[in-house]
C-alpha atoms as a PDB file:
ATOM      1  CA  MET A   1      14.265 -20.534   6.582  1.00  0.00           C
ATOM      2  CA  ILE A   2      12.633 -18.240   3.120  1.00  0.00           C
ATOM      3  CA  ILE A   3      12.748 -14.656   4.040  1.00  0.00           C
ATOM      4  CA  SER A   4      10.029 -12.331   1.543  1.00  0.00           C
ATOM      5  CA  ARG A   5      10.314  -8.070   1.189  1.00  0.00           C
ATOM      6  CA  THR A   6       7.318  -6.511   0.139  1.00  0.00           C
ATOM      7  CA  PRO A   7       7.888  -2.048  -0.525  1.00  0.00           C
ATOM      8  CA  PHE A   8       5.344   0.072   0.578  1.00  0.00           C
ATOM      9  CA  ARG A   9       3.729   2.687  -1.347  1.00  0.00           C
ATOM     10  CA  VAL A  10       2.973   5.978  -1.230  1.00  0.00           C
ATOM     11  CA  SER A  11      -0.120   7.287  -3.617  1.00  0.00           C
ATOM     12  CA  PHE A  12      -0.308  10.628  -5.473  1.00  0.00           C
ATOM     13  CA  PHE A  13      -3.973  10.836  -7.573  1.00  0.00           C
ATOM     14  CA  GLY A  14      -6.955   8.178  -8.178  1.00  0.00           C
ATOM     15  CA  GLY A  15      -7.252   7.250  -5.030  1.00  0.00           C
ATOM     16  CA  GLY A  16     -10.940   5.651  -4.047  1.00  0.00           C
ATOM     17  CA  THR A  17     -10.995   5.012  -7.851  1.00  0.00           C
ATOM     18  CA  ASP A  18      -9.129   2.011  -7.029  1.00  0.00           C
ATOM     19  CA  TYR A  19     -13.005   0.212  -5.046  1.00  0.00           C
ATOM     20  CA  PRO A  20     -14.593  -2.063  -6.752  1.00  0.00           C
ATOM     21  CA  ILE A  21     -17.746   0.089  -6.248  1.00  0.00           C
ATOM     22  CA  TRP A  22     -16.450   1.790  -8.669  1.00  0.00           C
ATOM     23  CA  PHE A  23     -14.523   0.644 -11.619  1.00  0.00           C
ATOM     24  CA  ARG A  24     -17.287  -2.238 -11.668  1.00  0.00           C
ATOM     25  CA  GLU A  25     -19.630   0.390 -13.342  1.00  0.00           C
ATOM     26  CA  HIS A  26     -17.000   3.589 -14.024  1.00  0.00           C
ATOM     27  CA  GLU A  27     -13.260   2.870 -14.524  1.00  0.00           C
ATOM     28  CA  GLY A  28     -10.978   3.647 -11.794  1.00  0.00           C
ATOM     29  CA  ALA A  29      -6.728   5.155 -11.918  1.00  0.00           C
ATOM     30  CA  VAL A  30      -4.025   5.740  -9.683  1.00  0.00           C
ATOM     31  CA  LEU A  31      -0.909   6.941  -9.625  1.00  0.00           C
ATOM     32  CA  ALA A  32       1.541   5.752  -7.242  1.00  0.00           C
ATOM     33  CA  THR A  33       4.556   4.529  -6.478  1.00  0.00           C
ATOM     34  CA  THR A  34       6.646   1.911  -4.352  1.00  0.00           C
ATOM     35  CA  ILE A  35       9.323   3.429  -1.886  1.00  0.00           C
ATOM     36  CA  ASN A  36      12.153   2.427  -0.347  1.00  0.00           C
ATOM     37  CA  LYS A  37      10.987   1.354   2.433  1.00  0.00           C
ATOM     38  CA  HIS A  38       9.602  -2.543   2.796  1.00  0.00           C
ATOM     39  CA  CYS A  39       7.599  -4.912   4.794  1.00  0.00           C
ATOM     40  CA  TYR A  40       9.986  -8.788   5.954  1.00  0.00           C
ATOM     41  CA  ILE A  41       8.538 -11.574   6.493  1.00  0.00           C
ATOM     42  CA  SER A  42      10.536 -15.147   6.956  1.00  0.00           C
ATOM     43  CA  CYS A  43       8.880 -18.273   7.574  1.00  0.00           C
ATOM     44  CA  ARG A  44      10.396 -21.918   8.179  1.00  0.00           C
ATOM     45  CA  HIS A  45       9.045 -25.266   8.921  1.00  0.00           C
ATOM     46  CA  LEU A  46       8.198 -25.257  13.293  1.00  0.00           C
ATOM     47  CA  PRO A  47      10.274 -28.638  14.394  1.00  0.00           C
ATOM     48  CA  PRO A  48       7.604 -30.481  16.231  1.00  0.00           C
ATOM     49  CA  PHE A  49       9.799 -30.139  19.671  1.00  0.00           C
ATOM     50  CA  PHE A  50       6.665 -27.272  21.556  1.00  0.00           C
ATOM     51  CA  GLY A  51       3.494 -27.662  23.334  1.00  0.00           C
ATOM     52  CA  TYR A  52       1.743 -25.504  19.963  1.00  0.00           C
ATOM     53  CA  LYS A  53       1.923 -26.358  16.167  1.00  0.00           C
ATOM     54  CA  SER A  54       2.707 -22.551  15.005  1.00  0.00           C
ATOM     55  CA  ARG A  55       4.183 -19.220  16.300  1.00  0.00           C
ATOM     56  CA  ILE A  56       3.434 -16.187  14.559  1.00  0.00           C
ATOM     57  CA  ILE A  57       5.392 -13.471  15.768  1.00  0.00           C
ATOM     58  CA  TYR A  58       4.417  -9.561  14.475  1.00  0.00           C
ATOM     59  CA  SER A  59       3.599  -6.968  17.022  1.00  0.00           C
ATOM     60  CA  LYS A  60       2.774  -9.639  19.136  1.00  0.00           C
ATOM     61  CA  MET A  61       3.150 -13.220  19.319  1.00  0.00           C
ATOM     62  CA  GLU A  62       0.885 -15.969  19.189  1.00  0.00           C
ATOM     63  CA  CYS A  63       1.394 -19.776  19.687  1.00  0.00           C
ATOM     64  CA  VAL A  64      -1.519 -22.176  17.965  1.00  0.00           C
ATOM     65  CA  ASP A  65      -2.481 -25.374  17.305  1.00  0.00           C
ATOM     66  CA  GLY A  66      -5.027 -24.723  14.006  1.00  0.00           C
ATOM     67  CA  ILE A  67      -6.087 -21.936  12.012  1.00  0.00           C
ATOM     68  CA  ASP A  68      -8.587 -21.315  13.419  1.00  0.00           C
ATOM     69  CA  ASP A  69      -7.290 -20.442  16.666  1.00  0.00           C
ATOM     70  CA  ILE A  70      -5.299 -17.466  15.115  1.00  0.00           C
ATOM     71  CA  GLN A  71      -6.218 -14.188  15.853  1.00  0.00           C
ATOM     72  CA  HIS A  72      -4.489 -12.580  12.483  1.00  0.00           C
ATOM     73  CA  PRO A  73      -6.640 -12.165   9.701  1.00  0.00           C
ATOM     74  CA  ALA A  74      -4.227 -11.601   7.031  1.00  0.00           C
ATOM     75  CA  VAL A  75      -2.586 -14.500   8.412  1.00  0.00           C
ATOM     76  CA  ARG A  76      -5.553 -17.288   9.018  1.00  0.00           C
ATOM     77  CA  GLU A  77      -6.947 -16.251   6.049  1.00  0.00           C
ATOM     78  CA  ALA A  78      -3.391 -16.819   4.381  1.00  0.00           C
ATOM     79  CA  PHE A  79      -3.062 -19.848   5.231  1.00  0.00           C
ATOM     80  CA  ARG A  80      -6.948 -20.992   5.343  1.00  0.00           C
ATOM     81  CA  PHE A  81      -5.989 -20.133   1.427  1.00  0.00           C
ATOM     82  CA  MET A  82      -2.910 -21.725   0.820  1.00  0.00           C
ATOM     83  CA  ASN A  83      -4.053 -25.386   2.831  1.00  0.00           C
ATOM     84  CA  ILE A  84      -1.319 -24.501   4.832  1.00  0.00           C
ATOM     85  CA  LYS A  85      -1.142 -27.520   7.665  1.00  0.00           C
ATOM     86  CA  GLU A  86       1.702 -28.555   9.126  1.00  0.00           C
ATOM     87  CA  GLY A  87       3.662 -26.754  11.622  1.00  0.00           C
ATOM     88  CA  ILE A  88       5.490 -22.916  10.981  1.00  0.00           C
ATOM     89  CA  GLU A  89       6.425 -19.807  12.160  1.00  0.00           C
ATOM     90  CA  LEU A  90       6.441 -16.606  10.567  1.00  0.00           C
ATOM     91  CA  HIS A  91       7.969 -13.923  12.022  1.00  0.00           C
ATOM     92  CA  HIS A  92       7.283 -10.393  10.508  1.00  0.00           C
ATOM     93  CA  ASP A  93       9.168  -6.851  11.098  1.00  0.00           C
ATOM     94  CA  ALA A  94       8.885  -3.747   8.832  1.00  0.00           C
ATOM     95  CA  ASP A  95      10.421  -0.377   8.151  1.00  0.00           C
ATOM     96  CA  LEU A  96       7.986   2.195   9.352  1.00  0.00           C
ATOM     97  CA  PRO A  97       4.518   2.246  11.847  1.00  0.00           C
ATOM     98  CA  ALA A  98       1.332  -0.306  10.852  1.00  0.00           C
ATOM     99  CA  ARG A  99      -1.542   1.532  10.124  1.00  0.00           C
ATOM    100  CA  ALA A 100      -0.209   4.704   8.856  1.00  0.00           C
ATOM    101  CA  GLY A 101      -1.630   4.989   4.927  1.00  0.00           C
ATOM    102  CA  LEU A 102       1.519   3.377   3.462  1.00  0.00           C
ATOM    103  CA  GLY A 103      -0.503   0.677   2.084  1.00  0.00           C
ATOM    104  CA  THR A 104       1.144  -1.724   5.268  1.00  0.00           C
ATOM    105  CA  SER A 105      -1.975  -4.133   5.400  1.00  0.00           C
ATOM    106  CA  SER A 106      -1.726  -4.875   2.281  1.00  0.00           C
ATOM    107  CA  THR A 107       1.521  -5.346   2.220  1.00  0.00           C
ATOM    108  CA  PHE A 108       1.796  -7.676   4.889  1.00  0.00           C
ATOM    109  CA  THR A 109      -0.568 -10.301   2.620  1.00  0.00           C
ATOM    110  CA  VAL A 110       0.644  -9.467  -0.491  1.00  0.00           C
ATOM    111  CA  GLY A 111       4.245 -10.277   1.381  1.00  0.00           C
ATOM    112  CA  LEU A 112       2.960 -13.438   3.523  1.00  0.00           C
ATOM    113  CA  LEU A 113       1.844 -15.001   0.028  1.00  0.00           C
ATOM    114  CA  ASN A 114       4.872 -14.952  -1.313  1.00  0.00           C
ATOM    115  CA  VAL A 115       6.337 -16.354   1.125  1.00  0.00           C
ATOM    116  CA  LEU A 116       4.216 -18.765   1.713  1.00  0.00           C
ATOM    117  CA  TYR A 117       3.942 -19.662  -2.248  1.00  0.00           C
ATOM    118  CA  ALA A 118       7.647 -20.144  -1.748  1.00  0.00           C
ATOM    119  CA  TYR A 119       7.242 -22.471   1.383  1.00  0.00           C
ATOM    120  CA  ARG A 120       5.121 -23.922  -1.082  1.00  0.00           C
ATOM    121  CA  GLY A 121       7.912 -24.839  -3.538  1.00  0.00           C
ATOM    122  CA  ASN A 122       6.275 -22.041  -6.152  1.00  0.00           C
ATOM    123  CA  MET A 123       6.425 -18.691  -7.141  1.00  0.00           C
ATOM    124  CA  PRO A 124       3.504 -17.233  -8.768  1.00  0.00           C
ATOM    125  CA  SER A 125       3.384 -13.814 -11.149  1.00  0.00           C
ATOM    126  CA  LYS A 126       3.065 -10.735  -9.894  1.00  0.00           C
ATOM    127  CA  MET A 127      -0.285 -10.558 -10.946  1.00  0.00           C
ATOM    128  CA  GLN A 128      -1.335 -14.444  -9.788  1.00  0.00           C
ATOM    129  CA  LEU A 129       0.640 -12.253  -6.296  1.00  0.00           C
ATOM    130  CA  ALA A 130      -1.955  -9.701  -6.462  1.00  0.00           C
ATOM    131  CA  LEU A 131      -5.412 -10.841  -6.862  1.00  0.00           C
ATOM    132  CA  ASP A 132      -4.535 -12.933  -4.563  1.00  0.00           C
ATOM    133  CA  ALA A 133      -3.963 -10.870  -1.882  1.00  0.00           C
ATOM    134  CA  ILE A 134      -6.742  -8.975  -2.926  1.00  0.00           C
ATOM    135  CA  LYS A 135      -8.744 -12.644  -3.326  1.00  0.00           C
ATOM    136  CA  VAL A 136      -7.382 -12.529   0.482  1.00  0.00           C
ATOM    137  CA  GLU A 137      -8.111  -9.277   1.969  1.00  0.00           C
ATOM    138  CA  GLN A 138     -11.760  -8.700   0.207  1.00  0.00           C
ATOM    139  CA  GLU A 139     -13.217 -11.912   0.407  1.00  0.00           C
ATOM    140  CA  LEU A 140     -11.868 -14.183   3.013  1.00  0.00           C
ATOM    141  CA  ILE A 141     -11.234 -11.160   5.714  1.00  0.00           C
ATOM    142  CA  PRO A 142     -12.895  -9.176   4.813  1.00  0.00           C
ATOM    143  CA  GLU A 143     -11.480  -6.104   4.637  1.00  0.00           C
ATOM    144  CA  ASN A 144     -12.481  -2.106   3.092  1.00  0.00           C
ATOM    145  CA  VAL A 145      -9.910  -2.061   1.124  1.00  0.00           C
ATOM    146  CA  GLY A 146      -9.195  -1.097  -3.203  1.00  0.00           C
ATOM    147  CA  CYS A 147      -6.153  -2.501  -5.353  1.00  0.00           C
ATOM    148  CA  GLN A 148      -3.775  -0.200  -5.040  1.00  0.00           C
ATOM    149  CA  ASP A 149      -2.172  -1.190  -2.700  1.00  0.00           C
ATOM    150  CA  GLN A 150      -2.016  -5.607  -3.569  1.00  0.00           C
ATOM    151  CA  THR A 151      -0.919  -4.377  -6.895  1.00  0.00           C
ATOM    152  CA  LEU A 152       1.375  -2.493  -5.915  1.00  0.00           C
ATOM    153  CA  ALA A 153       3.392  -4.516  -3.571  1.00  0.00           C
ATOM    154  CA  ALA A 154       3.211  -7.407  -5.766  1.00  0.00           C
ATOM    155  CA  PHE A 155       4.659  -4.699  -8.793  1.00  0.00           C
ATOM    156  CA  GLY A 156       6.906  -2.163  -7.298  1.00  0.00           C
ATOM    157  CA  GLY A 157       8.071   0.850  -9.355  1.00  0.00           C
ATOM    158  CA  PHE A 158       5.691   4.259 -10.347  1.00  0.00           C
ATOM    159  CA  ASN A 159       2.469   3.056 -12.071  1.00  0.00           C
ATOM    160  CA  ARG A 160      -0.558   4.221 -13.369  1.00  0.00           C
ATOM    161  CA  ILE A 161      -2.615   1.311 -12.963  1.00  0.00           C
ATOM    162  CA  ASP A 162      -5.988   1.046 -14.200  1.00  0.00           C
ATOM    163  CA  PHE A 163      -8.947  -0.892 -12.470  1.00  0.00           C
ATOM    164  CA  ARG A 164     -12.287  -1.909 -14.709  1.00  0.00           C
ATOM    165  CA  ALA A 165     -15.052  -4.539 -14.176  1.00  0.00           C
ATOM    166  CA  GLY A 166     -14.841  -7.697 -16.347  1.00  0.00           C
ATOM    167  CA  GLU A 167     -11.862 -10.027 -17.115  1.00  0.00           C
ATOM    168  CA  ASN A 168      -7.915  -8.679 -17.280  1.00  0.00           C
ATOM    169  CA  PRO A 169      -9.419  -6.297 -14.440  1.00  0.00           C
ATOM    170  CA  ILE A 170      -6.037  -4.902 -13.306  1.00  0.00           C
ATOM    171  CA  ARG A 171      -3.815  -2.500 -16.501  1.00  0.00           C
ATOM    172  CA  VAL A 172      -0.606  -1.854 -14.509  1.00  0.00           C
ATOM    173  CA  THR A 173       2.216   0.560 -16.766  1.00  0.00           C
ATOM    174  CA  PRO A 174       4.890   2.032 -15.337  1.00  0.00           C
ATOM    175  CA  ILE A 175       5.717   6.023 -15.780  1.00  0.00           C
ATOM    176  CA  ILE A 176       9.186   6.274 -18.145  1.00  0.00           C
ATOM    177  CA  LEU A 177      10.964   9.356 -17.292  1.00  0.00           C
ATOM    178  CA  PRO A 178      14.713  11.106 -18.197  1.00  0.00           C
ATOM    179  CA  ASN A 179      16.478  10.632 -14.962  1.00  0.00           C
ATOM    180  CA  HIS A 180      16.710  14.360 -14.795  1.00  0.00           C
ATOM    181  CA  ARG A 181      12.581  14.950 -14.274  1.00  0.00           C
ATOM    182  CA  TYR A 182      12.594  11.421 -12.442  1.00  0.00           C
ATOM    183  CA  ASN A 183      15.133  12.682  -9.374  1.00  0.00           C
ATOM    184  CA  GLU A 184      13.300  16.328  -9.656  1.00  0.00           C
ATOM    185  CA  LEU A 185      10.050  14.845  -8.717  1.00  0.00           C
ATOM    186  CA  GLN A 186      11.752  13.244  -5.870  1.00  0.00           C
ATOM    187  CA  ASP A 187      13.874  16.024  -4.895  1.00  0.00           C
ATOM    188  CA  HIS A 188      10.456  17.742  -4.049  1.00  0.00           C
ATOM    189  CA  LEU A 189       8.746  15.452  -2.003  1.00  0.00           C
ATOM    190  CA  MET A 190       8.380  14.646   1.136  1.00  0.00           C
ATOM    191  CA  LEU A 191       7.199  12.576   4.156  1.00  0.00           C
ATOM    192  CA  LEU A 192       5.545  13.455   7.207  1.00  0.00           C
ATOM    193  CA  PHE A 193       4.408  11.391   9.782  1.00  0.00           C
ATOM    194  CA  THR A 194       1.556  13.342  11.783  1.00  0.00           C
ATOM    195  CA  GLY A 195       2.344  11.338  15.280  1.00  0.00           C
ATOM    196  CA  PHE A 196      -1.335   8.784  15.231  1.00  0.00           C
ATOM    197  CA  SER A 197      -2.617   5.904  13.383  1.00  0.00           C
ATOM    198  CA  ARG A 198      -5.376   5.136  12.570  1.00  0.00           C
ATOM    199  CA  ASN A 199      -7.834   2.110  11.971  1.00  0.00           C
ATOM    200  CA  ALA A 200      -8.156   2.836   7.956  1.00  0.00           C
ATOM    201  CA  THR A 201     -10.976  -0.078   7.018  1.00  0.00           C
ATOM    202  CA  ASP A 202     -13.699   2.568   9.071  1.00  0.00           C
ATOM    203  CA  ILE A 203     -12.819   4.992   6.576  1.00  0.00           C
ATOM    204  CA  ALA A 204     -12.842   3.275   3.920  1.00  0.00           C
ATOM    205  CA  ALA A 205     -15.721   1.456   5.058  1.00  0.00           C
ATOM    206  CA  GLU A 206     -17.228   5.640   5.516  1.00  0.00           C
ATOM    207  CA  GLN A 207     -16.146   6.222   1.539  1.00  0.00           C
ATOM    208  CA  ILE A 208     -17.686   3.464   0.430  1.00  0.00           C
ATOM    209  CA  LYS A 209     -20.655   4.412   1.857  1.00  0.00           C
ATOM    210  CA  MET A 210     -20.640   8.215   0.583  1.00  0.00           C
ATOM    211  CA  THR A 211     -19.475   6.359  -3.033  1.00  0.00           C
ATOM    212  CA  PRO A 212     -22.701   6.679  -5.249  1.00  0.00           C
ATOM    213  CA  HIS A 213     -23.059  10.395  -3.338  1.00  0.00           C
ATOM    214  CA  LYS A 214     -19.803  11.564  -5.117  1.00  0.00           C
ATOM    215  CA  LYS A 215     -19.129  10.746  -9.152  1.00  0.00           C
ATOM    216  CA  ALA A 216     -18.565  13.251  -9.946  1.00  0.00           C
ATOM    217  CA  GLU A 217     -16.087  14.015  -7.295  1.00  0.00           C
ATOM    218  CA  LEU A 218     -14.557  10.307  -7.941  1.00  0.00           C
ATOM    219  CA  SER A 219     -14.731  11.099 -12.484  1.00  0.00           C
ATOM    220  CA  THR A 220     -12.482  14.176 -11.695  1.00  0.00           C
ATOM    221  CA  MET A 221     -10.043  12.599  -9.149  1.00  0.00           C
ATOM    222  CA  TYR A 222      -9.408   9.882 -11.715  1.00  0.00           C
ATOM    223  CA  GLN A 223      -8.907  12.801 -14.894  1.00  0.00           C
ATOM    224  CA  MET A 224      -6.482  14.026 -12.661  1.00  0.00           C
ATOM    225  CA  VAL A 225      -4.921  11.081 -13.090  1.00  0.00           C
ATOM    226  CA  SER A 226      -3.658  11.425 -16.984  1.00  0.00           C
ATOM    227  CA  GLU A 227      -4.015  14.902 -15.467  1.00  0.00           C
ATOM    228  CA  ALA A 228      -0.345  14.717 -13.782  1.00  0.00           C
ATOM    229  CA  THR A 229       1.027  11.909 -16.265  1.00  0.00           C
ATOM    230  CA  ASN A 230       0.822  14.591 -18.524  1.00  0.00           C
ATOM    231  CA  ILE A 231       2.394  17.118 -16.172  1.00  0.00           C
ATOM    232  CA  LEU A 232       4.985  14.957 -15.813  1.00  0.00           C
ATOM    233  CA  ASN A 233       5.574  14.069 -19.119  1.00  0.00           C
ATOM    234  CA  GLY A 234       6.048  17.628 -20.268  1.00  0.00           C
ATOM    235  CA  ASN A 235       8.752  19.750 -19.914  1.00  0.00           C
ATOM    236  CA  GLY A 236       6.868  21.997 -17.768  1.00  0.00           C
ATOM    237  CA  SER A 237       7.990  22.646 -13.945  1.00  0.00           C
ATOM    238  CA  LEU A 238       6.964  20.639 -11.601  1.00  0.00           C
ATOM    239  CA  ARG A 239       4.937  23.631  -9.407  1.00  0.00           C
ATOM    240  CA  GLU A 240       1.489  22.210 -12.033  1.00  0.00           C
ATOM    241  CA  PHE A 241       1.958  18.915 -10.408  1.00  0.00           C
ATOM    242  CA  GLY A 242       2.277  20.868  -6.584  1.00  0.00           C
ATOM    243  CA  LYS A 243      -0.951  22.439  -7.267  1.00  0.00           C
ATOM    244  CA  LEU A 244      -2.567  19.632  -8.409  1.00  0.00           C
ATOM    245  CA  LEU A 245      -1.887  17.360  -5.820  1.00  0.00           C
ATOM    246  CA  HIS A 246      -3.941  20.142  -3.710  1.00  0.00           C
ATOM    247  CA  GLU A 247      -6.607  20.654  -5.466  1.00  0.00           C
ATOM    248  CA  SER A 248      -7.129  16.511  -5.009  1.00  0.00           C
ATOM    249  CA  TRP A 249      -6.500  16.786  -1.599  1.00  0.00           C
ATOM    250  CA  LEU A 250      -9.367  19.106  -1.566  1.00  0.00           C
ATOM    251  CA  LEU A 251     -11.555  17.335  -3.739  1.00  0.00           C
ATOM    252  CA  LYS A 252     -10.331  13.875  -1.237  1.00  0.00           C
ATOM    253  CA  ARG A 253     -10.658  15.380   1.684  1.00  0.00           C
ATOM    254  CA  GLY A 254     -14.417  15.548   0.772  1.00  0.00           C
ATOM    255  CA  LEU A 255     -15.833  12.757  -0.173  1.00  0.00           C
ATOM    256  CA  THR A 256     -16.053  11.772   3.907  1.00  0.00           C
ATOM    257  CA  ASN A 257     -15.633  14.024   7.325  1.00  0.00           C
ATOM    258  CA  LYS A 258     -13.024  11.082   8.601  1.00  0.00           C
ATOM    259  CA  ILE A 259     -10.485  11.655   6.009  1.00  0.00           C
ATOM    260  CA  SER A 260      -9.480  14.700   7.552  1.00  0.00           C
ATOM    261  CA  ASN A 261      -9.324  16.222  10.881  1.00  0.00           C
ATOM    262  CA  PRO A 262      -7.990  19.743  12.216  1.00  0.00           C
ATOM    263  CA  ARG A 263      -4.541  19.116  13.284  1.00  0.00           C
ATOM    264  CA  ILE A 264      -4.295  17.904   9.926  1.00  0.00           C
ATOM    265  CA  ASP A 265      -5.935  20.650   8.436  1.00  0.00           C
ATOM    266  CA  GLU A 266      -2.494  22.570  10.608  1.00  0.00           C
ATOM    267  CA  ILE A 267      -0.599  20.502   9.512  1.00  0.00           C
ATOM    268  CA  TYR A 268      -1.192  20.608   5.931  1.00  0.00           C
ATOM    269  CA  GLU A 269      -1.631  24.946   6.099  1.00  0.00           C
ATOM    270  CA  ILE A 270       1.272  25.197   8.019  1.00  0.00           C
ATOM    271  CA  ALA A 271       3.713  23.140   5.476  1.00  0.00           C
ATOM    272  CA  ARG A 272       1.340  25.272   2.879  1.00  0.00           C
ATOM    273  CA  SER A 273       2.937  28.910   4.376  1.00  0.00           C
ATOM    274  CA  ALA A 274       6.170  27.504   4.543  1.00  0.00           C
ATOM    275  CA  GLY A 275       6.296  27.197   1.095  1.00  0.00           C
ATOM    276  CA  ALA A 276       4.845  23.956   0.210  1.00  0.00           C
ATOM    277  CA  LEU A 277       3.206  23.508  -3.081  1.00  0.00           C
ATOM    278  CA  GLY A 278       0.498  20.757  -1.971  1.00  0.00           C
ATOM    279  CA  GLY A 279       0.207  17.203   0.027  1.00  0.00           C
ATOM    280  CA  LYS A 280      -2.565  14.838   0.953  1.00  0.00           C
ATOM    281  CA  VAL A 281      -2.627  12.551   3.448  1.00  0.00           C
ATOM    282  CA  VAL A 282      -1.534   9.459   2.306  1.00  0.00           C
ATOM    283  CA  GLY A 283      -4.605   6.263   1.964  1.00  0.00           C
ATOM    284  CA  ALA A 284      -7.521   6.576   3.660  1.00  0.00           C
ATOM    285  CA  GLY A 285      -6.837   9.227   5.688  1.00  0.00           C
ATOM    286  CA  GLY A 286      -7.461  10.124   9.681  1.00  0.00           C
ATOM    287  CA  GLY A 287      -3.700  10.383  10.374  1.00  0.00           C
ATOM    288  CA  GLY A 288      -0.299   8.163   9.609  1.00  0.00           C
ATOM    289  CA  PHE A 289       1.405   9.491   7.104  1.00  0.00           C
ATOM    290  CA  MET A 290       0.818  13.091   4.598  1.00  0.00           C
ATOM    291  CA  LEU A 291       3.161  13.553   1.343  1.00  0.00           C
ATOM    292  CA  LEU A 292       4.395  16.857   0.516  1.00  0.00           C
ATOM    293  CA  MET A 293       5.196  18.401  -3.019  1.00  0.00           C
ATOM    294  CA  ALA A 294       7.628  21.839  -2.341  1.00  0.00           C
ATOM    295  CA  PRO A 295      10.882  22.724  -3.897  1.00  0.00           C
ATOM    296  CA  PRO A 296      14.353  21.902  -1.951  1.00  0.00           C
ATOM    297  CA  GLU A 297      15.135  25.464  -1.281  1.00  0.00           C
ATOM    298  CA  ASN A 298      11.679  25.504   1.413  1.00  0.00           C
ATOM    299  CA  GLN A 299      12.252  22.935   2.848  1.00  0.00           C
ATOM    300  CA  PRO A 300      14.155  23.385   6.007  1.00  0.00           C
ATOM    301  CA  ALA A 301      11.470  25.827   6.677  1.00  0.00           C
ATOM    302  CA  ILE A 302       8.404  23.811   6.391  1.00  0.00           C
ATOM    303  CA  ILE A 303      10.868  21.001   8.600  1.00  0.00           C
ATOM    304  CA  ALA A 304      11.575  23.623  11.154  1.00  0.00           C
ATOM    305  CA  LYS A 305       8.420  25.101  11.808  1.00  0.00           C
ATOM    306  CA  LEU A 306       7.196  22.064  12.048  1.00  0.00           C
ATOM    307  CA  ASN A 307       9.069  20.269  14.362  1.00  0.00           C
ATOM    308  CA  ASP A 308       7.148  18.590  15.862  1.00  0.00           C
ATOM    309  CA  VAL A 309       5.984  16.283  13.400  1.00  0.00           C
ATOM    310  CA  LEU A 310       8.789  13.627  12.041  1.00  0.00           C
ATOM    311  CA  HIS A 311      10.482  13.584   8.687  1.00  0.00           C
ATOM    312  CA  VAL A 312      10.961  10.645   6.764  1.00  0.00           C
ATOM    313  CA  PRO A 313      13.232  10.747   4.383  1.00  0.00           C
ATOM    314  CA  PHE A 314      11.773   8.030   0.799  1.00  0.00           C
ATOM    315  CA  ARG A 315      13.214   7.394  -2.969  1.00  0.00           C
ATOM    316  CA  PHE A 316      11.091   5.809  -4.487  1.00  0.00           C
ATOM    317  CA  SER A 317      11.974   1.647  -5.292  1.00  0.00           C
ATOM    318  CA  SER A 318      11.311   0.185  -8.837  1.00  0.00           C
ATOM    319  CA  THR A 319      11.319  -3.899  -6.771  1.00  0.00           C
ATOM    320  CA  GLY A 320       8.243  -5.587  -5.800  1.00  0.00           C
ATOM    321  CA  SER A 321       7.366  -8.020  -3.379  1.00  0.00           C
ATOM    322  CA  GLU A 322      11.265 -10.220  -3.635  1.00  0.00           C
ATOM    323  CA  ILE A 323      11.862 -13.124  -1.395  1.00  0.00           C
ATOM    324  CA  ILE A 324      15.322 -12.388  -0.367  1.00  0.00           C
ATOM    325  CA  PHE A 325      16.964 -15.496   1.327  1.00  0.00           C
ATOM    326  CA  TYR A 326      15.974 -18.777   0.652  1.00  0.00           C
ATOM    327  CA  ASP A 327      17.073 -22.069   1.870  1.00  0.00           C
ATOM    328  CA  ARG A 328      15.922 -24.929  -0.395  1.00  0.00           C
ATOM    329  CA  ASP A 329      16.248 -27.294   2.999  1.00  0.00           C
ATOM    330  CA  ALA A 330      13.003 -25.322   4.057  1.00  0.00           C
ATOM    331  CA  VAL A 331      10.665 -25.960   1.528  1.00  0.00           C
ATOM    332  CA  SER A 332       7.545 -28.068   2.646  1.00  0.00           C
ATOM    333  CA  LYS A 333       7.649 -31.410   1.471  1.00  0.00           C
ATOM    334  CA  ASN A 334       3.825 -31.534   1.114  1.00  0.00           C
ATOM    335  CA  PRO A 335       2.373 -32.018  -1.991  1.00  0.00           C
ATOM    336  CA  ILE A 336      -0.534 -30.266  -0.320  1.00  0.00           C
ATOM    337  CA  LYS A 337      -0.897 -26.752  -3.356  1.00  0.00           C
ATOM    338  CA  PRO A 338      -2.468 -23.801  -2.542  1.00  0.00           C
ATOM    339  CA  LYS A 339      -6.697 -23.517  -3.572  1.00  0.00           C
ATOM    340  CA  GLU A 340      -6.187 -21.753  -6.154  1.00  0.00           C
ATOM    341  CA  LEU A 341      -3.412 -20.942  -8.486  1.00  0.00           C
ATOM    342  CA  VAL A 342      -5.345 -19.095 -11.159  1.00  0.00           C
ATOM    343  CA  VAL A 343      -7.568 -16.596 -10.561  1.00  0.00           C
END
């Protein structure tokens, strides 16, 4: 048995500038962190005693004979990418629900590739893992996704990630803060589940379509990444970080009419009236989780006023995708190597 553990992420600023349609012409950047909520994927060779070749278990169970029979798009294309031809059993578990804005799809793809690399007896670099996941999602499936989720899942930590055209398109810079500032930021953050999920690729498709018409907004959102970092590195009040988050949300929700809806707006306004400084819907929008920035003394009132919304406590995580259990006997004896070890 081989088991990978891969973190989900929360993004603060710059979302939307990590799409290739933007950063291949303009520079992009995000400020985001992984959190202590994870996706787990186990992998083992499936002995040939069944009426099928491979078994894939997630929210449903697939028992298949070949790659073309696999319904789950990420599993199907990852198997193709990694040249998986022998029988395998995969099992997926997660701390939080899918389609909720925390990068769950990309986290799954990164964790899947990591466990399949281990199954092949290989250990990719964090950048290799991120680039491979981007290739699988953007080119092979293909999905309407950016590049921040895969990078965060692979690297882990609280980072500024820059995107640009050409060679070495991704640069990851850890955010270094004194312990008291780091903890103060975490203490100001709340994660609320709106109670409904959404299909992120549909919302992202609309945002990609509107990108050429939203250059001013996206340029401002890109600049906010540096502004937010400067606030954190300074000695001033974190209220400024919360106010900037509010300004960013107003810009983001105006990118398309699919990012927010009346229920999201209602939750946000109730939270603001109870003492939240700012916030946003995490990820593409349309539902899922909402991130709020609020002084700790105001948080009980926010929770009380939003008593029909699930509050999910969390902390930052410093580790990216990792193999947490590795049985050497589980390594594939098949000498076939992945199609691409260098991207």
